[in-house]
């Protein structure tokens, strides 16, 4: 079955996959000037030195938050769709850790997202209401909703940390113009 046929036959799954995708990345081409809510867009102007800086004593760094988001994608993918053996603090993908540079972290984050996304995309609409092998009586749809909501919370946290570290709340231009290098 082609992906297009699967999407047509499973519109609810397709909508959930779309929502998950939008938490990761919204392009200016898709959303015009209202594309600044996604995770990758909010990482777009995080300076290299901001990734490991603490905006307040004992606070999480942006790297910590990004790593946490990716680990959650991996953990839910394994515990809901896989064999359930992955440790919840394991960031490795096939034995490879995220890397140190922002580019390596973002590449790793994209892969963690893709793994969870691809597992969702294989579901059918009728499976969404089934209980998943989770431990608690949660449906696939509820687990997916939780994982969609999770990065949204942290996107705000990243934006706030970046604003503190850069002494710039970025609201004056709502992140517009970044695509032109401003």
Protein backbone atom coordinates (compact mmCIF):
# COMPACT_ATOMS: atom_id res chain seq x y z
CA UNK A 1 0.00 0.00 0.00
CA UNK A 2 1.40 3.41 -0.90
CA UNK A 3 1.71 6.18 1.67
CA UNK A 4 -0.85 8.23 -0.26
CA UNK A 5 -3.42 5.42 -0.07
CA UNK A 6 -2.65 4.90 3.62
CA UNK A 7 -3.22 8.62 4.26
CA UNK A 8 -6.53 8.60 2.38
CA UNK A 9 -7.71 5.48 4.18
CA UNK A 10 -6.51 6.72 7.59
CA UNK A 11 -7.21 10.45 7.80
CA UNK A 12 -7.02 10.57 11.62
CA UNK A 13 -3.57 9.00 11.65
CA UNK A 14 -2.51 11.43 8.91
CA UNK A 15 -3.71 14.38 11.00
CA UNK A 16 -1.80 13.18 14.06
CA UNK A 17 1.35 12.67 11.99
CA UNK A 18 0.91 16.20 10.60
CA UNK A 19 0.54 17.68 14.08
CA UNK A 20 3.64 15.85 15.27
CA UNK A 21 5.55 17.11 12.24
CA UNK A 22 4.48 20.69 12.95
CA UNK A 23 5.85 20.53 16.49
CA UNK A 24 9.25 19.78 14.98
CA UNK A 25 9.29 22.07 11.97
CA UNK A 26 7.07 24.62 10.26
CA UNK A 27 8.51 26.27 7.20
CA UNK A 28 7.83 29.87 6.14
CA UNK A 29 6.66 28.42 2.83
CA UNK A 30 3.88 26.50 4.61
CA UNK A 31 2.92 29.05 7.23
CA UNK A 32 4.07 32.45 6.02
CA UNK A 33 4.83 34.75 8.93
CA UNK A 34 3.21 32.39 11.47
CA UNK A 35 5.82 29.64 11.35
CA UNK A 36 7.66 30.44 14.56
CA UNK A 37 6.06 27.94 16.94
CA UNK A 38 8.07 24.86 15.98
CA UNK A 39 10.98 23.36 17.85
CA UNK A 40 13.52 23.76 15.06
CA UNK A 41 12.48 27.34 14.41
CA UNK A 42 13.02 28.17 18.08
CA UNK A 43 16.48 26.61 17.87
CA UNK A 44 17.22 28.62 14.74
CA UNK A 45 18.78 31.59 16.51
CA UNK A 46 20.24 29.82 19.52
CA UNK A 47 23.91 30.75 19.42
CA UNK A 48 26.46 27.93 19.83
CA UNK A 49 27.44 29.28 23.25
CA UNK A 50 23.79 29.27 24.37
CA UNK A 51 23.40 25.50 24.02
CA UNK A 52 25.32 24.73 27.23
CA UNK A 53 24.70 27.93 29.18
CA UNK A 54 22.40 27.92 32.19
CA UNK A 55 20.00 30.87 32.10
CA UNK A 56 19.74 30.65 35.90
CA UNK A 57 21.66 28.70 38.54
CA UNK A 58 20.72 25.01 38.59
CA UNK A 59 18.51 25.41 35.50
CA UNK A 60 18.44 23.20 32.44
CA UNK A 61 20.48 24.12 29.40
CA UNK A 62 18.97 24.23 25.94
CA UNK A 63 21.03 21.13 25.11
CA UNK A 64 19.51 19.36 28.14
CA UNK A 65 16.01 20.21 26.96
CA UNK A 66 16.61 19.15 23.35
CA UNK A 67 18.19 15.90 24.52
CA UNK A 68 15.23 15.26 26.82
CA UNK A 69 12.73 15.80 23.97
CA UNK A 70 14.61 13.35 21.75
CA UNK A 71 14.93 10.76 24.51
CA UNK A 72 11.17 10.95 25.03
CA UNK A 73 10.56 10.33 21.31
CA UNK A 74 12.86 7.29 21.49
CA UNK A 75 11.39 5.99 24.74
CA UNK A 76 7.78 6.20 23.66
CA UNK A 77 8.59 4.69 20.28
CA UNK A 78 10.25 1.71 21.93
CA UNK A 79 7.77 1.22 24.78
CA UNK A 80 4.64 1.68 22.66
CA UNK A 81 5.70 0.25 19.31
CA UNK A 82 8.82 -1.77 20.10
CA UNK A 83 9.94 -4.33 22.62
CA UNK A 84 9.81 -1.97 25.61
CA UNK A 85 13.40 -2.58 26.68
CA UNK A 86 14.90 0.89 26.10
CA UNK A 87 15.92 2.72 29.26
CA UNK A 88 14.09 6.05 29.56
CA UNK A 89 17.37 7.94 29.85
CA UNK A 90 19.08 6.31 26.84
CA UNK A 91 19.89 8.84 24.08
CA UNK A 92 21.70 6.40 21.78
CA UNK A 93 20.38 5.52 18.34
CA UNK A 94 21.86 2.23 17.21
CA UNK A 95 24.68 2.75 19.71
CA UNK A 96 25.45 6.31 18.54
CA UNK A 97 25.08 9.24 20.94
CA UNK A 98 23.68 12.64 19.88
CA UNK A 99 26.99 14.43 19.33
CA UNK A 100 28.34 17.70 20.69
CA UNK A 101 27.69 20.36 18.08
CA UNK A 102 24.30 22.03 17.64
CA UNK A 103 24.12 20.60 14.10
CA UNK A 104 24.74 17.08 15.42
CA UNK A 105 22.10 17.55 18.13
CA UNK A 106 19.56 18.77 15.58
CA UNK A 107 20.34 15.88 13.24
CA UNK A 108 19.89 13.46 16.15
CA UNK A 109 16.63 15.19 17.15
CA UNK A 110 15.31 14.82 13.61
CA UNK A 111 16.11 11.10 13.72
CA UNK A 112 14.40 10.59 17.10
CA UNK A 113 11.32 12.37 15.76
CA UNK A 114 11.39 10.30 12.55
CA UNK A 115 11.46 7.04 14.49
CA UNK A 116 8.37 7.92 16.52
CA UNK A 117 6.66 9.47 13.47
CA UNK A 118 7.23 6.41 11.30
CA UNK A 119 5.72 4.13 13.93
CA UNK A 120 2.62 6.33 14.14
CA UNK A 121 2.32 6.49 10.37
CA UNK A 122 2.03 2.69 10.18
CA UNK A 123 -1.11 2.69 12.34
CA UNK A 124 -4.62 2.60 10.96
CA UNK A 125 -7.42 4.82 12.20
CA UNK A 126 -9.13 1.82 13.81
CA UNK A 127 -5.99 1.08 15.85
CA UNK A 128 -6.02 4.55 17.44
CA UNK A 129 -8.72 3.51 19.92
CA UNK A 130 -7.01 0.26 20.85
CA UNK A 131 -5.11 -0.01 24.09
CA UNK A 132 -1.41 -0.02 23.44
CA UNK A 133 1.18 -2.15 25.26
CA UNK A 134 2.01 0.59 27.71
CA UNK A 135 1.22 -0.71 31.16
CA UNK A 136 -1.54 1.78 31.92
CA UNK A 137 -4.78 1.53 29.94
CA UNK A 138 -3.96 4.17 27.33
CA UNK A 139 -4.99 4.13 23.72
CA UNK A 140 -2.55 4.73 20.90
CA UNK A 141 -4.28 8.04 20.24
CA UNK A 142 -3.78 9.24 23.83
CA UNK A 143 -0.09 8.33 23.81
CA UNK A 144 0.38 10.15 20.51
CA UNK A 145 -1.42 13.22 21.89
CA UNK A 146 0.87 13.27 24.93
CA UNK A 147 3.98 13.03 22.75
CA UNK A 148 2.69 15.84 20.50
CA UNK A 149 2.05 18.07 23.54
CA UNK A 150 5.38 17.32 25.20
CA UNK A 151 7.70 19.28 22.85
CA UNK A 152 5.27 22.21 22.80
CA UNK A 153 5.86 22.73 26.51
CA UNK A 154 9.61 22.61 26.02
CA UNK A 155 9.57 24.89 22.96
CA UNK A 156 8.43 27.69 25.25
CA UNK A 157 11.11 26.76 27.75
CA UNK A 158 13.79 26.90 25.03
CA UNK A 159 12.53 30.24 23.77
CA UNK A 160 12.53 31.66 27.28
CA UNK A 161 16.05 30.37 28.04
CA UNK A 162 17.30 31.81 24.75
CA UNK A 163 15.67 35.16 25.53
CA UNK A 164 17.37 35.32 28.93
CA UNK A 165 20.76 34.28 27.55
CA UNK A 166 20.58 36.78 24.69
CA UNK A 167 18.81 39.56 26.65
CA UNK A 168 16.30 39.70 23.81
CA UNK A 169 12.74 38.51 24.02
CA UNK A 170 12.51 38.45 20.20
CA UNK A 171 8.87 39.58 20.28
CA UNK A 172 9.64 42.85 18.52
CA UNK A 173 9.86 41.02 15.23
CA UNK A 174 8.30 37.66 16.21
CA UNK A 175 11.32 35.89 14.75
CA UNK A 176 10.53 37.19 11.30
CA UNK A 177 13.42 37.78 8.98
CA UNK A 178 15.59 34.92 10.18
CA UNK A 179 15.24 33.27 6.82
CA UNK A 180 17.06 36.26 5.31
CA UNK A 181 19.85 36.04 7.88
CA UNK A 182 18.75 38.97 10.04
